C-alpha atoms as a PDB file:
ATOM      1  CA  MET A   1      25.139 -13.035  -9.298  1.00  0.00           C
ATOM      2  CA  GLY A   2      26.962 -10.010 -10.481  1.00  0.00           C
ATOM      3  CA  VAL A   3      25.334  -6.586 -10.732  1.00  0.00           C
ATOM      4  CA  PHE A   4      21.929  -8.234 -11.239  1.00  0.00           C
ATOM      5  CA  VAL A   5      21.797  -8.696  -7.433  1.00  0.00           C
ATOM      6  CA  PHE A   6      21.039  -4.933  -7.262  1.00  0.00           C
ATOM      7  CA  LEU A   7      18.055  -5.120  -9.846  1.00  0.00           C
ATOM      8  CA  PRO A   8      15.281  -5.533  -7.218  1.00  0.00           C
ATOM      9  CA  LEU A   9      16.482  -2.346  -5.526  1.00  0.00           C
ATOM     10  CA  ILE A  10      16.061  -0.101  -8.527  1.00  0.00           C
ATOM     11  CA  LEU A  11      13.213  -1.673 -10.533  1.00  0.00           C
ATOM     12  CA  PRO A  12      10.658   0.121  -8.189  1.00  0.00           C
ATOM     13  CA  LEU A  13      11.611   3.235 -10.277  1.00  0.00           C
ATOM     14  CA  THR A  14       8.800   2.155 -12.554  1.00  0.00           C
ATOM     15  CA  ALA A  15       6.296   2.570  -9.726  1.00  0.00           C
ATOM     16  CA  LEU A  16       5.402   6.250 -10.416  1.00  0.00           C
ATOM     17  CA  PRO A  17       4.610   6.030 -14.213  1.00  0.00           C
ATOM     18  CA  ILE A  18       2.695   2.714 -13.634  1.00  0.00           C
ATOM     19  CA  ALA A  19       0.699   4.228 -10.721  1.00  0.00           C
ATOM     20  CA  ARG A  20      -0.279   7.219 -12.897  1.00  0.00           C
ATOM     21  CA  LEU A  21      -1.361   5.183 -15.749  1.00  0.00           C
ATOM     22  CA  ALA A  22      -3.233   2.554 -13.667  1.00  0.00           C
ATOM     23  CA  GLU A  23      -5.370   5.091 -11.773  1.00  0.00           C
ATOM     24  CA  GLN A  24      -6.335   6.925 -14.887  1.00  0.00           C
ATOM     25  CA  HIS A  25      -7.020   4.042 -17.208  1.00  0.00           C
ATOM     26  CA  LEU A  26      -8.013   1.085 -15.088  1.00  0.00           C
ATOM     27  CA  HIS A  27     -11.231   0.321 -13.091  1.00  0.00           C
ATOM     28  CA  PRO A  28     -10.573   1.570  -9.542  1.00  0.00           C
ATOM     29  CA  ARG A  29     -10.869  -1.981  -8.108  1.00  0.00           C
ATOM     30  CA  SER A  30      -8.415  -3.321 -10.709  1.00  0.00           C
ATOM     31  CA  ALA A  31      -6.008  -0.482 -10.158  1.00  0.00           C
ATOM     32  CA  ALA A  32      -6.029  -0.794  -6.376  1.00  0.00           C
ATOM     33  CA  LEU A  33      -5.329  -4.536  -6.499  1.00  0.00           C
ATOM     34  CA  LEU A  34      -2.742  -4.401  -9.309  1.00  0.00           C
ATOM     35  CA  LEU A  35      -0.786  -1.667  -7.626  1.00  0.00           C
ATOM     36  CA  THR A  36      -0.916  -3.234  -4.220  1.00  0.00           C
ATOM     37  CA  TRP A  37       0.346  -6.668  -5.293  1.00  0.00           C
ATOM     38  CA  VAL A  38       2.981  -5.015  -7.525  1.00  0.00           C
ATOM     39  CA  GLY A  39       4.163  -2.963  -4.544  1.00  0.00           C
ATOM     40  CA  ALA A  40       4.107  -5.928  -2.148  1.00  0.00           C
ATOM     41  CA  ILE A  41       6.164  -8.202  -4.498  1.00  0.00           C
ATOM     42  CA  LEU A  42       8.660  -5.506  -5.411  1.00  0.00           C
ATOM     43  CA  ALA A  43       9.093  -4.652  -1.722  1.00  0.00           C
ATOM     44  CA  ALA A  44       9.603  -8.304  -0.791  1.00  0.00           C
ATOM     45  CA  CYS A  45      12.230  -8.714  -3.524  1.00  0.00           C
ATOM     46  CA  SER A  46      13.964  -5.557  -2.460  1.00  0.00           C
ATOM     47  CA  THR A  47      14.107  -6.673   1.136  1.00  0.00           C
ATOM     48  CA  LEU A  48      15.368 -10.109   0.098  1.00  0.00           C
ATOM     49  CA  CYS A  49      18.123  -8.343  -1.909  1.00  0.00           C
ATOM     50  CA  LEU A  50      19.097  -6.383   1.237  1.00  0.00           C
ATOM     51  CA  GLY A  51      19.215  -9.531   3.267  1.00  0.00           C
ATOM     52  CA  LEU A  52      21.470 -11.191   0.820  1.00  0.00           C
ATOM     53  CA  LEU A  53      23.877  -8.227   0.891  1.00  0.00           C
ATOM     54  CA  VAL A  54      23.700  -8.184   4.680  1.00  0.00           C
ATOM     55  CA  VAL A  55      24.975 -11.723   4.744  1.00  0.00           C
ATOM     56  CA  VAL A  56      28.026 -10.791   2.680  1.00  0.00           C
ATOM     57  CA  GLY A  57      28.580  -7.569   4.672  1.00  0.00           C
ATOM     58  CA  THR A  58      28.206  -9.072   8.056  1.00  0.00           C
ATOM     59  CA  ALA A  59      30.510 -12.085   7.244  1.00  0.00           C
ATOM     60  CA  GLN A  60      33.402  -9.431   6.859  1.00  0.00           C
ATOM     61  CA  LEU A  61      32.913  -7.827  10.263  1.00  0.00           C
ATOM     62  CA  PRO A  62      35.306  -8.965  13.030  1.00  0.00           C
ATOM     63  CA  GLY A  63      33.616 -10.947  15.704  1.00  0.00           C
ATOM     64  CA  ASN A  64      30.518 -11.814  13.738  1.00  0.00           C
ATOM     65  CA  PRO A  65      28.839 -15.153  14.517  1.00  0.00           C
ATOM     66  CA  LEU A  66      28.894 -16.341  10.930  1.00  0.00           C
ATOM     67  CA  PRO A  67      31.302 -19.048   9.781  1.00  0.00           C
ATOM     68  CA  ASP A  68      34.668 -17.695   8.725  1.00  0.00           C
ATOM     69  CA  SER A  69      34.416 -19.342   5.374  1.00  0.00           C
ATOM     70  CA  TRP A  70      31.647 -17.028   4.527  1.00  0.00           C
ATOM     71  CA  SER A  71      34.033 -14.065   4.170  1.00  0.00           C
ATOM     72  CA  ASP A  72      36.137 -16.109   1.615  1.00  0.00           C
ATOM     73  CA  PRO A  73      37.043 -14.352  -1.596  1.00  0.00           C
ATOM     74  CA  GLU A  74      34.747 -16.679  -3.505  1.00  0.00           C
ATOM     75  CA  VAL A  75      31.747 -15.382  -1.483  1.00  0.00           C
ATOM     76  CA  ARG A  76      32.826 -11.771  -1.729  1.00  0.00           C
ATOM     77  CA  GLU A  77      33.233 -11.971  -5.422  1.00  0.00           C
ATOM     78  CA  ALA A  78      29.586 -12.901  -5.678  1.00  0.00           C
ATOM     79  CA  VAL A  79      28.494  -9.327  -4.874  1.00  0.00           C
ATOM     80  CA  PRO A  80      30.207  -6.381  -6.705  1.00  0.00           C
ATOM     81  CA  TYR A  81      31.685  -3.707  -4.388  1.00  0.00           C
ATOM     82  CA  ASP A  82      31.011  -6.098  -1.577  1.00  0.00           C
ATOM     83  CA  GLU A  83      32.679  -4.069   1.180  1.00  0.00           C
ATOM     84  CA  VAL A  84      30.707  -0.998   0.533  1.00  0.00           C
ATOM     85  CA  ALA A  85      27.354  -2.560  -0.514  1.00  0.00           C
ATOM     86  CA  GLY A  86      27.498  -5.248   2.186  1.00  0.00           C
ATOM     87  CA  LYS A  87      28.000  -2.912   5.102  1.00  0.00           C
ATOM     88  CA  ALA A  88      25.697  -0.170   3.820  1.00  0.00           C
ATOM     89  CA  SER A  89      22.943  -2.759   3.450  1.00  0.00           C
ATOM     90  CA  ILE A  90      23.166  -3.594   7.158  1.00  0.00           C
ATOM     91  CA  CYS A  91      22.149  -0.007   8.024  1.00  0.00           C
ATOM     92  CA  ALA A  92      19.476  -0.002   5.204  1.00  0.00           C
ATOM     93  CA  LEU A  93      17.921  -3.186   6.441  1.00  0.00           C
ATOM     94  CA  ALA A  94      17.884  -1.935   9.983  1.00  0.00           C
ATOM     95  CA  LEU A  95      16.112   1.261   8.832  1.00  0.00           C
ATOM     96  CA  VAL A  96      13.506  -0.872   7.002  1.00  0.00           C
ATOM     97  CA  VAL A  97      12.802  -2.912  10.018  1.00  0.00           C
ATOM     98  CA  VAL A  98      12.441   0.175  12.185  1.00  0.00           C
ATOM     99  CA  ALA A  99      10.159   1.952   9.706  1.00  0.00           C
ATOM    100  CA  CYS A 100       7.826  -1.055   9.271  1.00  0.00           C
ATOM    101  CA  ALA A 101       7.590  -1.552  13.005  1.00  0.00           C
ATOM    102  CA  HIS A 102       6.655   2.103  13.545  1.00  0.00           C
ATOM    103  CA  THR A 103       4.039   2.012  10.846  1.00  0.00           C
ATOM    104  CA  LEU A 104       2.489  -1.179  12.246  1.00  0.00           C
ATOM    105  CA  ARG A 105       2.570   0.241  15.752  1.00  0.00           C
ATOM    106  CA  ARG A 106       0.771   3.505  14.637  1.00  0.00           C
ATOM    107  CA  HIS A 107      -1.781   1.579  12.555  1.00  0.00           C
ATOM    108  CA  TYR A 108      -2.776  -1.002  15.146  1.00  0.00           C
ATOM    109  CA  GLY A 109      -2.381   1.418  17.957  1.00  0.00           C
ATOM    110  CA  PHE A 110      -4.909   3.764  16.419  1.00  0.00           C
ATOM    111  CA  ARG A 111      -7.368   0.865  15.833  1.00  0.00           C
ATOM    112  CA  SER A 112      -6.988  -0.387  19.369  1.00  0.00           C
ATOM    113  CA  ARG A 113      -7.671   3.003  20.833  1.00  0.00           C
ATOM    114  CA  ALA A 114     -10.619   3.559  18.612  1.00  0.00           C
ATOM    115  CA  HIS A 115     -12.176   0.181  19.505  1.00  0.00           C
ATOM    116  CA  ARG A 116     -11.712   0.823  23.247  1.00  0.00           C
ATOM    117  CA  THR A 117     -13.438   4.092  22.840  1.00  0.00           C
ATOM    118  CA  LEU A 118     -16.333   2.518  21.057  1.00  0.00           C
ATOM    119  CA  ALA A 119     -16.565  -0.310  23.561  1.00  0.00           C
ATOM    120  CA  ALA A 120     -17.603   2.303  26.112  1.00  0.00           C
ATOM    121  CA  LEU A 121     -20.533   3.439  24.125  1.00  0.00           C
ATOM    122  CA  PRO A 122     -23.957   1.881  24.872  1.00  0.00           C
ATOM    123  CA  ASP A 123     -24.781   1.539  21.166  1.00  0.00           C
ATOM    124  CA  ALA A 124     -22.988  -1.436  19.524  1.00  0.00           C
ATOM    125  CA  SER A 125     -24.503  -1.069  16.133  1.00  0.00           C
ATOM    126  CA  GLU A 126     -22.468  -0.986  12.853  1.00  0.00           C
ATOM    127  CA  VAL A 127     -22.594   2.868  12.650  1.00  0.00           C
ATOM    128  CA  ALA A 128     -21.277   4.621  15.678  1.00  0.00           C
ATOM    129  CA  VAL A 129     -22.390   8.226  15.831  1.00  0.00           C
ATOM    130  CA  LEU A 130     -19.995  10.335  17.914  1.00  0.00           C
ATOM    131  CA  THR A 131     -20.972  13.652  19.344  1.00  0.00           C
ATOM    132  CA  ASP A 132     -18.413  15.911  17.887  1.00  0.00           C
ATOM    133  CA  GLU A 133     -18.554  19.242  16.009  1.00  0.00           C
ATOM    134  CA  VAL A 134     -15.557  18.310  13.908  1.00  0.00           C
ATOM    135  CA  PRO A 135     -16.888  16.694  10.768  1.00  0.00           C
ATOM    136  CA  TYR A 136     -15.336  13.319   9.921  1.00  0.00           C
ATOM    137  CA  ALA A 137     -16.377   9.773   8.794  1.00  0.00           C
ATOM    138  CA  TYR A 138     -14.222   6.758   8.343  1.00  0.00           C
ATOM    139  CA  ALA A 139     -14.300   2.908   8.341  1.00  0.00           C
ATOM    140  CA  LEU A 140     -12.718   1.178  11.296  1.00  0.00           C
ATOM    141  CA  PRO A 141     -11.792  -2.381  10.504  1.00  0.00           C
ATOM    142  CA  GLY A 142     -11.981  -5.136  13.020  1.00  0.00           C
ATOM    143  CA  SER A 143     -14.178  -7.982  14.196  1.00  0.00           C
ATOM    144  CA  PRO A 144     -16.659  -6.684  13.474  1.00  0.00           C
ATOM    145  CA  GLY A 145     -15.750  -3.478  11.529  1.00  0.00           C
ATOM    146  CA  ARG A 146     -17.485  -0.230  12.442  1.00  0.00           C
ATOM    147  CA  ILE A 147     -18.261   3.008  10.754  1.00  0.00           C
ATOM    148  CA  LEU A 148     -17.447   6.084  12.753  1.00  0.00           C
ATOM    149  CA  VAL A 149     -19.205   9.286  11.914  1.00  0.00           C
ATOM    150  CA  SER A 150     -19.476  12.585  13.700  1.00  0.00           C
ATOM    151  CA  THR A 151     -22.569  14.617  14.387  1.00  0.00           C
ATOM    152  CA  GLY A 152     -20.679  17.516  12.677  1.00  0.00           C
ATOM    153  CA  MET A 153     -20.540  15.437   9.453  1.00  0.00           C
ATOM    154  CA  LEU A 154     -24.110  14.321   9.584  1.00  0.00           C
ATOM    155  CA  CYS A 155     -25.419  17.777  10.099  1.00  0.00           C
ATOM    156  CA  GLY A 156     -23.709  18.918   6.964  1.00  0.00           C
ATOM    157  CA  LEU A 157     -25.264  16.413   4.730  1.00  0.00           C
ATOM    158  CA  GLY A 158     -28.822  15.725   3.512  1.00  0.00           C
ATOM    159  CA  GLU A 159     -30.598  12.469   4.011  1.00  0.00           C
ATOM    160  CA  ALA A 160     -29.761  11.015   0.567  1.00  0.00           C
ATOM    161  CA  GLU A 161     -26.124  12.187   0.973  1.00  0.00           C
ATOM    162  CA  ARG A 162     -25.943  10.448   4.307  1.00  0.00           C
ATOM    163  CA  ARG A 163     -26.945   7.166   2.648  1.00  0.00           C
ATOM    164  CA  ALA A 164     -24.203   7.645   0.034  1.00  0.00           C
ATOM    165  CA  LEU A 165     -21.690   8.308   2.842  1.00  0.00           C
ATOM    166  CA  LEU A 166     -22.680   5.078   4.796  1.00  0.00           C
ATOM    167  CA  ALA A 167     -22.557   3.058   1.535  1.00  0.00           C
ATOM    168  CA  HIS A 168     -19.153   4.379   0.775  1.00  0.00           C
ATOM    169  CA  GLU A 169     -17.756   3.389   4.248  1.00  0.00           C
ATOM    170  CA  ARG A 170     -19.443  -0.003   3.952  1.00  0.00           C
ATOM    171  CA  ALA A 171     -17.622  -0.528   0.739  1.00  0.00           C
ATOM    172  CA  HIS A 172     -14.311   0.214   2.470  1.00  0.00           C
ATOM    173  CA  LEU A 173     -15.059  -2.416   5.042  1.00  0.00           C
ATOM    174  CA  ALA A 174     -16.343  -5.043   2.513  1.00  0.00           C
ATOM    175  CA  GLY A 175     -13.299  -4.514   0.267  1.00  0.00           C
ATOM    176  CA  ARG A 176     -10.872  -4.594   3.241  1.00  0.00           C
ATOM    177  CA  HIS A 177      -9.256  -1.497   1.836  1.00  0.00           C
ATOM    178  CA  HIS A 178      -7.252  -0.952   5.035  1.00  0.00           C
ATOM    179  CA  ARG A 179      -5.179  -4.020   4.204  1.00  0.00           C
ATOM    180  CA  LEU A 180      -4.337  -2.566   0.880  1.00  0.00           C
ATOM    181  CA  LEU A 181      -3.332   0.709   2.243  1.00  0.00           C
ATOM    182  CA  LEU A 182      -1.204  -0.876   4.978  1.00  0.00           C
ATOM    183  CA  MET A 183       0.493  -3.065   2.341  1.00  0.00           C
ATOM    184  CA  VAL A 184       1.563  -0.224   0.188  1.00  0.00           C
ATOM    185  CA  GLN A 185       2.627   1.733   3.201  1.00  0.00           C
ATOM    186  CA  LEU A 186       4.889  -1.001   4.334  1.00  0.00           C
ATOM    187  CA  ALA A 187       6.175  -1.408   0.742  1.00  0.00           C
ATOM    188  CA  GLY A 188       7.139   2.323   0.846  1.00  0.00           C
ATOM    189  CA  CYS A 189       9.028   1.595   4.063  1.00  0.00           C
ATOM    190  CA  ALA A 190      10.855  -1.277   2.463  1.00  0.00           C
ATOM    191  CA  ASN A 191      11.892   0.804  -0.621  1.00  0.00           C
ATOM    192  CA  PRO A 192      11.285   4.571  -0.837  1.00  0.00           C
ATOM    193  CA  LEU A 193      10.969   4.316  -4.620  1.00  0.00           C
ATOM    194  CA  LEU A 194       7.629   2.526  -3.909  1.00  0.00           C
ATOM    195  CA  ARG A 195       6.099   5.516  -2.022  1.00  0.00           C
ATOM    196  CA  PRO A 196       4.191   6.863  -5.066  1.00  0.00           C
ATOM    197  CA  LEU A 197       2.003   3.724  -4.884  1.00  0.00           C
ATOM    198  CA  ARG A 198       0.558   4.829  -1.547  1.00  0.00           C
ATOM    199  CA  SER A 199      -1.231   7.946  -2.847  1.00  0.00           C
ATOM    200  CA  ALA A 200      -2.322   5.988  -6.005  1.00  0.00           C
ATOM    201  CA  VAL A 201      -3.788   3.098  -4.055  1.00  0.00           C
ATOM    202  CA  GLY A 202      -5.390   5.612  -1.646  1.00  0.00           C
ATOM    203  CA  TYR A 203      -7.099   7.370  -4.599  1.00  0.00           C
ATOM    204  CA  SER A 204      -8.094   4.034  -6.237  1.00  0.00           C
ATOM    205  CA  THR A 205      -9.780   2.682  -2.999  1.00  0.00           C
ATOM    206  CA  GLU A 206     -11.638   5.940  -2.604  1.00  0.00           C
ATOM    207  CA  ARG A 207     -12.823   5.715  -6.231  1.00  0.00           C
ATOM    208  CA  TRP A 208     -13.693   2.034  -5.676  1.00  0.00           C
ATOM    209  CA  ALA A 209     -15.898   2.857  -2.747  1.00  0.00           C
ATOM    210  CA  ASP A 210     -17.396   5.869  -4.529  1.00  0.00           C
ATOM    211  CA  GLU A 211     -18.499   3.600  -7.441  1.00  0.00           C
ATOM    212  CA  GLU A 212     -19.962   1.090  -4.893  1.00  0.00           C
ATOM    213  CA  ALA A 213     -21.844   3.885  -3.130  1.00  0.00           C
ATOM    214  CA  ALA A 214     -23.128   5.105  -6.449  1.00  0.00           C
ATOM    215  CA  ARG A 215     -24.239   1.542  -7.380  1.00  0.00           C
ATOM    216  CA  VAL A 216     -25.972   0.961  -3.994  1.00  0.00           C
ATOM    217  CA  THR A 217     -27.811   4.320  -3.971  1.00  0.00           C
ATOM    218  CA  GLY A 218     -28.510   4.340  -7.673  1.00  0.00           C
ATOM    219  CA  ASP A 219     -27.666   8.009  -7.954  1.00  0.00           C
ATOM    220  CA  ARG A 220     -24.147   9.046  -9.088  1.00  0.00           C
ATOM    221  CA  ARG A 221     -24.935  12.719  -8.880  1.00  0.00           C
ATOM    222  CA  THR A 222     -26.027  12.391  -5.243  1.00  0.00           C
ATOM    223  CA  THR A 223     -22.920  10.485  -4.337  1.00  0.00           C
ATOM    224  CA  ALA A 224     -20.753  13.179  -6.118  1.00  0.00           C
ATOM    225  CA  ARG A 225     -22.520  15.849  -4.155  1.00  0.00           C
ATOM    226  CA  ALA A 226     -21.923  14.000  -0.914  1.00  0.00           C
ATOM    227  CA  VAL A 227     -18.284  13.668  -1.585  1.00  0.00           C
ATOM    228  CA  GLY A 228     -17.867  17.346  -2.524  1.00  0.00           C
ATOM    229  CA  LYS A 229     -19.826  18.614   0.449  1.00  0.00           C
ATOM    230  CA  ALA A 230     -18.055  16.426   2.888  1.00  0.00           C
ATOM    231  CA  ALA A 231     -14.724  17.685   1.548  1.00  0.00           C
ATOM    232  CA  LEU A 232     -15.795  21.277   1.949  1.00  0.00           C
ATOM    233  CA  ILE A 233     -16.843  20.951   5.618  1.00  0.00           C
ATOM    234  CA  SER A 234     -14.461  18.350   6.832  1.00  0.00           C
ATOM    235  CA  GLN A 235     -11.122  18.780   8.532  1.00  0.00           C
ATOM    236  CA  ARG A 236      -8.274  16.308   8.311  1.00  0.00           C
ATOM    237  CA  ALA A 237      -8.482  13.633  11.055  1.00  0.00           C
ATOM    238  CA  VAL A 238      -5.421  11.516  12.129  1.00  0.00           C
ATOM    239  CA  VAL A 239      -6.516   8.006  10.825  1.00  0.00           C
ATOM    240  CA  PRO A 240      -3.234   6.175   9.911  1.00  0.00           C
ATOM    241  CA  GLY A 241      -3.874   3.605   7.280  1.00  0.00           C
ATOM    242  CA  LEU A 242      -7.686   3.923   7.404  1.00  0.00           C
ATOM    243  CA  ALA A 243     -10.007   5.152   4.745  1.00  0.00           C
ATOM    244  CA  ALA A 244     -11.671   8.446   5.425  1.00  0.00           C
ATOM    245  CA  PHE A 245     -14.657   9.695   3.428  1.00  0.00           C
ATOM    246  CA  ALA A 246     -13.331  13.019   2.226  1.00  0.00           C
ATOM    247  CA  GLU A 247      -9.585  12.681   2.796  1.00  0.00           C
ATOM    248  CA  ALA A 248      -7.739  10.317   0.496  1.00  0.00           C
ATOM    249  CA  GLY A 249      -7.397  11.249  -3.104  1.00  0.00           C
ATOM    250  CA  PRO A 250      -8.057  14.444  -5.080  1.00  0.00           C
ATOM    251  CA  VAL A 251     -11.684  15.311  -4.357  1.00  0.00           C
ATOM    252  CA  PRO A 252     -12.297  17.228  -7.652  1.00  0.00           C
ATOM    253  CA  ARG A 253     -11.184  14.227  -9.652  1.00  0.00           C
ATOM    254  CA  ARG A 254     -13.478  11.889  -7.663  1.00  0.00           C
ATOM    255  CA  VAL A 255     -16.397  14.182  -8.102  1.00  0.00           C
ATOM    256  CA  ALA A 256     -15.705  14.557 -11.881  1.00  0.00           C
ATOM    257  CA  ALA A 257     -15.437  10.812 -12.264  1.00  0.00           C
ATOM    258  CA  LEU A 258     -18.812  10.218 -10.458  1.00  0.00           C
ATOM    259  CA  LEU A 259     -20.407  12.755 -12.851  1.00  0.00           C
ATOM    260  CA  GLY A 260     -19.073  10.844 -15.742  1.00  0.00           C
ATOM    261  CA  PRO A 261     -20.076   7.338 -16.971  1.00  0.00           C
ATOM    262  CA  VAL A 262     -19.659   4.166 -15.054  1.00  0.00           C
ATOM    263  CA  PRO A 263     -16.052   2.839 -15.587  1.00  0.00           C
ATOM    264  CA  ALA A 264     -15.687  -0.469 -17.426  1.00  0.00           C
ATOM    265  CA  ALA A 265     -15.215  -3.373 -15.024  1.00  0.00           C
ATOM    266  CA  GLY A 266     -13.103  -5.455 -17.311  1.00  0.00           C
ATOM    267  CA  GLY A 267     -10.043  -7.246 -16.085  1.00  0.00           C
ATOM    268  CA  TRP A 268      -6.759  -7.128 -17.997  1.00  0.00           C
ATOM    269  CA  PRO A 269      -6.876  -4.175 -20.509  1.00  0.00           C
ATOM    270  CA  PRO A 270      -6.091  -4.653 -24.171  1.00  0.00           C
ATOM    271  CA  ALA A 271      -2.403  -4.770 -24.848  1.00  0.00           C
ATOM    272  CA  LEU A 272      -2.369  -2.015 -27.506  1.00  0.00           C
ATOM    273  CA  THR A 273      -3.932   0.567 -25.125  1.00  0.00           C
ATOM    274  CA  THR A 274      -1.998   2.905 -22.725  1.00  0.00           C
ATOM    275  CA  ALA A 275      -3.441   0.996 -19.740  1.00  0.00           C
ATOM    276  CA  GLY A 276      -2.430  -2.375 -21.362  1.00  0.00           C
ATOM    277  CA  VAL A 277       1.088  -1.190 -21.770  1.00  0.00           C
ATOM    278  CA  ALA A 278       1.193   0.064 -18.153  1.00  0.00           C
ATOM    279  CA  ALA A 279      -0.064  -3.429 -16.984  1.00  0.00           C
ATOM    280  CA  ILE A 280       2.362  -5.226 -19.087  1.00  0.00           C
ATOM    281  CA  VAL A 281       5.291  -3.060 -17.778  1.00  0.00           C
ATOM    282  CA  ALA A 282       4.107  -3.651 -14.269  1.00  0.00           C
ATOM    283  CA  ALA A 283       4.007  -7.427 -14.791  1.00  0.00           C
ATOM    284  CA  ALA A 284       7.326  -7.523 -16.591  1.00  0.00           C
ATOM    285  CA  GLY A 285       9.064  -5.390 -13.983  1.00  0.00           C
ATOM    286  CA  THR A 286       7.655  -7.410 -11.175  1.00  0.00           C
ATOM    287  CA  ALA A 287       8.593 -10.655 -12.756  1.00  0.00           C
ATOM    288  CA  ALA A 288      12.128  -9.506 -13.558  1.00  0.00           C
ATOM    289  CA  SER A 289      12.578  -8.353  -9.956  1.00  0.00           C
ATOM    290  CA  THR A 290      11.172 -11.553  -8.523  1.00  0.00           C
ATOM    291  CA  LEU A 291      13.411 -13.776 -10.796  1.00  0.00           C
ATOM    292  CA  SER A 292      16.556 -11.647 -10.127  1.00  0.00           C
ATOM    293  CA  ALA A 293      15.991 -11.913  -6.307  1.00  0.00           C
ATOM    294  CA  LEU A 294      15.371 -15.631  -6.451  1.00  0.00           C
ATOM    295  CA  ASN A 295      18.390 -16.200  -8.663  1.00  0.00           C
ATOM    296  CA  ALA A 296      20.558 -14.190  -6.318  1.00  0.00           C
ATOM    297  CA  ALA A 297      19.184 -16.060  -3.289  1.00  0.00           C
ATOM    298  CA  ILE A 298      19.731 -19.456  -4.881  1.00  0.00           C
ATOM    299  CA  ALA A 299      23.172 -18.586  -6.136  1.00  0.00           C
ATOM    300  CA  LEU A 300      24.311 -17.270  -2.790  1.00  0.00           C
ATOM    301  CA  PHE A 301      22.909 -20.316  -1.064  1.00  0.00           C
ATOM    302  CA  PHE A 302      25.053 -22.664  -3.112  1.00  0.00           C
ATOM    303  CA  ILE A 303      28.118 -20.453  -2.751  1.00  0.00           C
ATOM    304  CA  LEU A 304      27.750 -20.388   1.020  1.00  0.00           C
ATOM    305  CA  GLN A 305      27.111 -24.076   1.105  1.00  0.00           C
ATOM    306  CA  SER A 306      30.229 -24.722  -0.961  1.00  0.00           C
ATOM    307  CA  ALA A 307      32.318 -22.357   1.269  1.00  0.00           C
ATOM    308  CA  THR A 308      30.968 -24.171   4.378  1.00  0.00           C
ATOM    309  CA  TYR A 309      31.342 -27.799   3.374  1.00  0.00           C
ATOM    310  CA  GLY A 310      33.735 -27.490   0.416  1.00  0.00           C
END
């Protein structure tokens, strides 16, 4: 395997420039999906790499339950700096598991509490209006998904702006944006180098919902005005992993984009453009990380098999 076993751990360094280029040059839907899947694959490869290093590191610890042959020199030579990297990866993988568990607990805990609160309300319609002076609005996924909006938010918007707000939140539910946000959040837990993808995907999903709201209402200017007014009157609400109307993404950029032309809805951008180069780099980096992780896994499997039965 050699030093290439560490490749999946450092390839996520490309996440920041790719995120910047994708959110600027790709359609919001394409950017959100591309960045989410790139992040998920790179995170999986990074975690697999840590798992392989843990095997080598654990085999050297006294009293471990692994076969004694797994600590043979042949196995240890498969990973450079095996003593340091193997033992350090045990702590790193433990931190990844704890961080992912905490993120999932917060996400599903909030959803569970919100649905219990809504179950006590007499109105079971799609839109739940909560009597609250604090202005907020967000999409709550579930079966079925609900839209939560406070009276404080509704009072600050006109009738046409309210329609844009509800169309925006319905777009979040229809696009299952909470899944994309949760995936990139877990990816950031698996490898801190992937954390820039979280804000990029958050912005892209907001822009995706903005464009859907503008399409449904047929008025981009009204949708832009609704986003701007909601941002001015709203306060940040604690909605872990959920999509809030005026929270995720730089609002001035969203308003400016809505006042501009409709973004092209094409798929893969031309190779000779900036966006095309970003997409190619993302695809190449993901492929290299995946192949490196799989190559290391297969090589280690055969080495351990040989050490066990050889």
